[in-house]
Amino acid sequence: MSERIAFIGGGNMASAIIGGLVKQGTSSQDIDVIEPFDAARDKLQSNFGIQAQAQAGAFLSRASLVVWAVKPQTFRQATLVVAPHTANALHLSVAAGIRSHSMAGWLATERIVRAMPNTPALIGKGITGLFARAGVSREDQAQVSRVLSGTGESIWLDTEEKLDVVTALSGSGPAYVFYFMEAMTTAGVEMGLSREQAHQLAVSTFAGASELARTSTESPQLLRQRVTSKGGTTYAAISSMENNDMRAQFIEALYAARERAKELGDEFGLA
């Protein structure tokens, strides 16, 4: 890859994308990073040999792609110093909630792709939802797909509203998995296992079940039914969950996450 890429923000998600690019053969010399925090700049230097800058400058005009990896509440302020140098670039945002029409207004361009990744991207096992504005060409989309390929899978969406659903489902999803892992570990300890044993069992169970679901032609519902013999131990556990309406409560939680994603766009974007 010969294109020059600039990252606005050099935290975990930016590092995940950079790590994937470096593994694919992109030279660290072709990557610019704007990162105000000393510790984060030192980490980029140590991990990738990238000399990150504390402030934006004219050097950003070399970038064919600008990746926005900043917090939603700092996005608008960051565009004030970056936009004058990136008028000709394609822009890719991984900032939660900020809608593309806000970015288009702040950056004065329609070449904007909005992305919602998740934290397994840090180990190349993530999944990212993508939406492109009308000004994004097929070549631009292909470039974005290449850049993100080192972080895992990606899917393109036909409407931006669906990114709020992606945020609720997969963007926040790893936290749900960790939440259930915590509960399983706690239960295991309470029932007599060591914390290390319970943790290993919980983590390996999620990893194995996820791989089985990924490779199987059967639905998760059918896979669940195959291990839920009536009157058995799994049946007892599932019945307890159903009696407590856990499925409905979990679905309600995802709706709450989607609503918060919408609120972020209202709170930090353009009206």
Protein backbone atom coordinates (compact mmCIF):
# COMPACT_ATOMS: atom_id res chain seq x y z
CA MET A 1 0.00 0.00 0.00
CA SER A 2 1.47 3.32 -1.09
CA GLU A 3 -1.18 5.72 0.17
CA ARG A 4 -0.28 7.98 3.07
CA ILE A 5 -2.63 7.74 6.05
CA ALA A 6 -3.09 10.20 8.88
CA PHE A 7 -4.68 9.32 12.21
CA ILE A 8 -6.30 11.97 14.35
CA GLY A 9 -5.98 10.33 17.75
CA GLY A 10 -3.53 7.58 18.60
CA GLY A 11 -5.37 5.52 21.23
CA ASN A 12 -6.39 1.87 21.27
CA MET A 13 -8.58 1.78 18.17
CA ALA A 14 -6.10 3.78 16.10
CA SER A 15 -3.36 1.44 17.29
CA ALA A 16 -5.42 -1.58 16.27
CA ILE A 17 -5.81 -0.23 12.73
CA ILE A 18 -2.16 0.81 12.56
CA GLY A 19 -1.09 -2.62 13.78
CA GLY A 20 -3.11 -4.26 11.03
CA LEU A 21 -1.61 -1.94 8.41
CA VAL A 22 1.95 -2.64 9.55
CA LYS A 23 1.32 -6.40 9.44
CA GLN A 24 0.08 -5.98 5.86
CA GLY A 25 3.32 -4.25 4.90
CA THR A 26 2.52 -0.55 5.24
CA SER A 27 5.62 1.36 6.26
CA SER A 28 5.46 3.37 9.47
CA GLN A 29 6.94 6.18 7.39
CA ASP A 30 3.65 6.38 5.49
CA ILE A 31 1.60 6.91 8.66
CA ASP A 32 1.12 10.22 10.47
CA VAL A 33 -0.53 10.46 13.87
CA ILE A 34 -1.78 13.45 15.81
CA GLU A 35 -1.85 12.55 19.50
CA PRO A 36 -1.72 15.16 22.29
CA PHE A 37 -0.78 12.80 25.13
CA ASP A 38 2.91 12.06 25.71
CA ALA A 39 2.39 8.50 26.92
CA ALA A 40 0.33 7.57 23.86
CA ARG A 41 2.96 9.08 21.53
CA ASP A 42 5.69 7.13 23.30
CA LYS A 43 3.69 3.92 22.88
CA LEU A 44 3.28 4.52 19.14
CA GLN A 45 7.01 5.08 18.84
CA SER A 46 7.79 1.93 20.81
CA ASN A 47 5.28 -0.35 19.09
CA PHE A 48 5.39 0.87 15.49
CA GLY A 49 8.31 3.27 15.12
CA ILE A 50 5.90 6.14 14.45
CA GLN A 51 6.95 9.63 15.50
CA ALA A 52 3.53 11.02 16.37
CA GLN A 53 2.93 14.75 16.52
CA ALA A 54 1.20 16.64 19.31
CA GLN A 55 -0.50 19.09 16.97
CA ALA A 56 -1.88 19.24 13.45
CA GLY A 57 0.14 20.88 10.72
CA ALA A 58 0.60 21.29 6.98
CA PHE A 59 2.14 17.81 6.76
CA LEU A 60 -1.41 16.42 6.95
CA SER A 61 -1.99 17.58 3.38
CA ARG A 62 0.05 14.55 2.23
CA ALA A 63 -2.61 12.11 3.47
CA SER A 64 -4.95 10.42 1.01
CA LEU A 65 -6.94 9.04 3.95
CA VAL A 66 -7.59 10.62 7.36
CA VAL A 67 -8.79 8.32 10.12
CA TRP A 68 -10.66 10.03 12.93
CA ALA A 69 -10.12 8.13 16.18
CA VAL A 70 -11.06 10.79 18.72
CA LYS A 71 -13.73 10.90 21.41
CA PRO A 72 -17.11 12.26 20.29
CA GLN A 73 -16.89 15.27 22.59
CA THR A 74 -13.56 16.38 21.07
CA PHE A 75 -14.34 15.70 17.42
CA ARG A 76 -15.64 19.12 16.43
CA GLN A 77 -12.79 20.99 18.08
CA ALA A 78 -10.25 18.75 16.36
CA THR A 79 -11.70 19.51 12.92
CA LEU A 80 -10.98 23.22 13.35
CA VAL A 81 -7.22 22.64 13.15
CA VAL A 82 -7.21 19.59 10.85
CA ALA A 83 -9.74 20.52 8.14
CA PRO A 84 -7.63 23.32 6.57
CA HIS A 85 -5.03 20.69 5.61
CA THR A 86 -7.22 17.76 4.50
CA ALA A 87 -9.62 19.12 1.88
CA ASN A 88 -8.55 16.54 -0.71
CA ALA A 89 -8.53 13.50 1.58
CA LEU A 90 -10.98 10.68 2.15
CA HIS A 91 -12.16 10.72 5.78
CA LEU A 92 -12.90 7.63 7.88
CA SER A 93 -14.38 8.08 11.35
CA VAL A 94 -14.46 5.49 14.13
CA ALA A 95 -15.91 7.99 16.63
CA ALA A 96 -19.11 6.73 18.23
CA GLY A 97 -22.31 8.66 17.60
CA ILE A 98 -21.05 11.52 15.43
CA ARG A 99 -23.14 11.50 12.28
CA SER A 100 -21.65 11.88 8.84
CA HIS A 101 -23.59 15.05 8.00
CA SER A 102 -21.94 16.74 11.01
CA MET A 103 -18.53 15.63 9.76
CA ALA A 104 -19.37 16.84 6.26
CA GLY A 105 -20.22 20.27 7.64
CA TRP A 106 -17.11 20.54 9.79
CA LEU A 107 -14.72 19.12 7.18
CA ALA A 108 -16.34 20.69 4.09
CA THR A 109 -16.31 17.41 2.14
CA GLU A 110 -18.69 14.61 1.20
CA ARG A 111 -15.94 11.98 1.03
CA ILE A 112 -16.76 10.57 4.45
CA VAL A 113 -17.09 7.00 5.68
CA ARG A 114 -18.40 6.38 9.15
CA ALA A 115 -17.38 3.18 10.94
CA MET A 116 -18.38 1.36 14.11
CA PRO A 117 -15.70 -1.17 15.08
CA ASN A 118 -15.42 -3.13 18.32
CA THR A 119 -12.58 -3.91 20.69
CA PRO A 120 -11.68 -7.39 19.34
CA ALA A 121 -10.17 -5.34 16.51
CA LEU A 122 -7.22 -5.02 18.89
CA ILE A 123 -6.36 -8.66 18.16
CA GLY A 124 -7.56 -8.73 14.55
CA LYS A 125 -10.86 -10.41 15.47
CA GLY A 126 -13.21 -7.43 15.31
CA ILE A 127 -16.17 -6.62 13.14
CA THR A 128 -16.91 -3.15 11.81
CA GLY A 129 -20.09 -1.65 10.40
CA LEU A 130 -19.50 0.91 7.63
CA PHE A 131 -21.58 3.61 5.97
CA ALA A 132 -20.42 5.77 3.05
CA ARG A 133 -21.85 9.15 2.06
CA ALA A 134 -22.79 9.75 -1.56
CA GLY A 135 -19.47 11.45 -2.30
CA VAL A 136 -17.51 8.27 -1.57
CA SER A 137 -16.49 6.35 -4.68
CA ARG A 138 -16.13 2.58 -5.07
CA GLU A 139 -12.37 3.09 -5.05
CA ASP A 140 -12.69 4.99 -1.76
CA GLN A 141 -14.72 2.15 -0.28
CA ALA A 142 -12.14 -0.36 -1.42
CA GLN A 143 -9.41 1.70 0.25
CA VAL A 144 -11.33 1.75 3.53
CA SER A 145 -11.91 -2.00 3.35
CA ARG A 146 -8.18 -2.58 2.80
CA VAL A 147 -7.21 -0.34 5.69
CA LEU A 148 -9.58 -2.06 8.09
CA SER A 149 -8.97 -5.62 6.91
CA GLY A 150 -6.23 -6.14 9.47
CA THR A 151 -8.72 -5.57 12.30
CA GLY A 152 -11.15 -8.32 11.28
CA GLU A 153 -14.37 -8.41 9.28
CA SER A 154 -16.48 -5.51 8.02
CA ILE A 155 -19.95 -5.01 6.58
CA TRP A 156 -21.29 -2.09 4.51
CA LEU A 157 -24.69 -0.68 5.43
CA ASP A 158 -27.16 1.04 3.12
CA THR A 159 -28.40 3.62 5.65
CA GLU A 160 -26.57 5.48 8.37
CA GLU A 161 -29.31 4.86 10.94
CA LYS A 162 -28.32 1.20 11.00
CA LEU A 163 -24.95 2.16 12.49
CA ASP A 164 -26.77 2.90 15.75
CA VAL A 165 -27.97 -0.70 15.69
CA VAL A 166 -24.43 -1.91 14.97
CA THR A 167 -23.24 0.18 17.91
CA ALA A 168 -25.76 -1.51 20.20
CA LEU A 169 -25.17 -5.01 18.87
CA SER A 170 -21.46 -5.42 18.11
CA GLY A 171 -19.89 -2.11 19.11
CA SER A 172 -20.96 -2.54 22.73
CA GLY A 173 -21.32 -6.30 22.35
CA PRO A 174 -17.95 -7.38 23.78
CA ALA A 175 -18.94 -5.80 27.10
CA TYR A 176 -22.04 -8.01 27.19
CA VAL A 177 -19.89 -11.09 26.69
CA PHE A 178 -17.50 -10.00 29.43
CA TYR A 179 -20.49 -9.32 31.69
CA PHE A 180 -21.71 -12.91 31.31
CA MET A 181 -18.16 -14.19 31.76
CA GLU A 182 -18.01 -12.29 35.05
CA ALA A 183 -21.29 -13.83 36.19
CA MET A 184 -20.22 -17.36 35.21
CA THR A 185 -16.89 -16.94 36.98
CA THR A 186 -18.57 -15.64 40.13
CA ALA A 187 -21.03 -18.55 40.13
CA GLY A 188 -18.21 -21.03 39.65
CA VAL A 189 -16.31 -19.61 42.62
CA GLU A 190 -19.42 -19.61 44.79
CA MET A 191 -19.95 -23.28 43.94
CA GLY A 192 -16.42 -24.30 44.91
CA LEU A 193 -14.04 -23.77 41.98
CA SER A 194 -10.98 -21.57 42.21
CA ARG A 195 -11.27 -18.21 40.44
CA GLU A 196 -8.64 -19.33 37.91
CA GLN A 197 -10.57 -22.52 37.13
CA ALA A 198 -13.90 -20.71 36.81
CA HIS A 199 -12.37 -18.01 34.60
CA GLN A 200 -10.76 -20.57 32.29
CA LEU A 201 -14.01 -22.51 31.96
CA ALA A 202 -16.05 -19.36 31.24
CA VAL A 203 -13.65 -17.91 28.68
CA SER A 204 -13.08 -21.20 26.87
CA THR A 205 -16.82 -21.88 26.77
CA PHE A 206 -17.52 -18.54 25.06
CA ALA A 207 -14.61 -19.00 22.66
CA GLY A 208 -15.67 -22.52 21.71
CA ALA A 209 -19.37 -21.73 21.41
CA SER A 210 -18.63 -18.67 19.27
CA GLU A 211 -16.42 -20.69 16.93
CA LEU A 212 -19.07 -23.41 16.70
CA ALA A 213 -21.72 -20.81 15.82
CA ARG A 214 -19.40 -19.19 13.27
CA THR A 215 -18.59 -22.44 11.45
CA SER A 216 -21.94 -24.21 11.77
CA THR A 217 -24.70 -24.06 9.18
CA GLU A 218 -27.25 -24.28 12.00
CA SER A 219 -28.77 -21.28 13.75
CA PRO A 220 -27.85 -20.35 17.33
CA GLN A 221 -31.38 -21.31 18.31
CA LEU A 222 -30.96 -24.83 16.95
CA LEU A 223 -27.48 -25.17 18.45
CA ARG A 224 -28.94 -24.20 21.82
CA GLN A 225 -31.78 -26.67 21.49
CA ARG A 226 -29.34 -29.49 20.72
CA VAL A 227 -27.74 -29.15 24.18
CA THR A 228 -31.01 -28.50 26.05
CA SER A 229 -32.50 -31.87 26.81
CA LYS A 230 -35.83 -31.56 28.61
CA GLY A 231 -35.36 -32.20 32.31
CA GLY A 232 -31.58 -31.87 32.08
CA THR A 233 -29.12 -29.41 33.58
CA THR A 234 -29.12 -27.01 30.63
CA TYR A 235 -32.91 -27.07 30.59
CA ALA A 236 -32.93 -26.08 34.25
CA ALA A 237 -30.63 -23.12 33.57
CA ILE A 238 -32.48 -21.93 30.47
CA SER A 239 -35.83 -22.30 32.23
CA SER A 240 -34.55 -20.13 35.08
CA MET A 241 -33.48 -17.47 32.59
CA GLU A 242 -36.81 -17.62 30.77
CA ASN A 243 -38.77 -17.46 34.03
CA ASN A 244 -36.87 -14.27 34.88
CA ASP A 245 -37.56 -12.85 31.40
CA MET A 246 -33.83 -12.52 30.74
CA ARG A 247 -34.20 -12.57 26.96
CA ALA A 248 -36.59 -9.60 26.98
CA GLN A 249 -34.41 -7.71 29.44
CA PHE A 250 -31.34 -8.30 27.31
CA ILE A 251 -33.12 -7.13 24.15
CA GLU A 252 -34.30 -4.06 26.07
CA ALA A 253 -30.68 -3.35 27.02
CA LEU A 254 -29.68 -3.30 23.34
CA TYR A 255 -32.46 -0.83 22.59
CA ALA A 256 -31.07 1.37 25.39
CA ALA A 257 -27.62 1.24 23.78
CA ARG A 258 -29.08 2.21 20.40
CA GLU A 259 -30.90 5.16 21.93
CA ARG A 260 -27.70 6.35 23.60
CA ALA A 261 -25.91 6.18 20.24
CA LYS A 262 -28.59 8.46 18.81
CA GLU A 263 -28.25 10.83 21.75
CA LEU A 264 -24.50 11.11 21.20
CA GLY A 265 -25.15 12.30 17.65
CA ASP A 266 -27.63 14.89 18.93
CA GLU A 267 -25.36 15.99 21.74
CA PHE A 268 -22.08 16.41 19.90
CA GLY A 269 -23.13 16.87 16.25
CA LEU A 270 -24.88 19.39 14.09
CA ALA A 271 -28.65 19.78 14.34
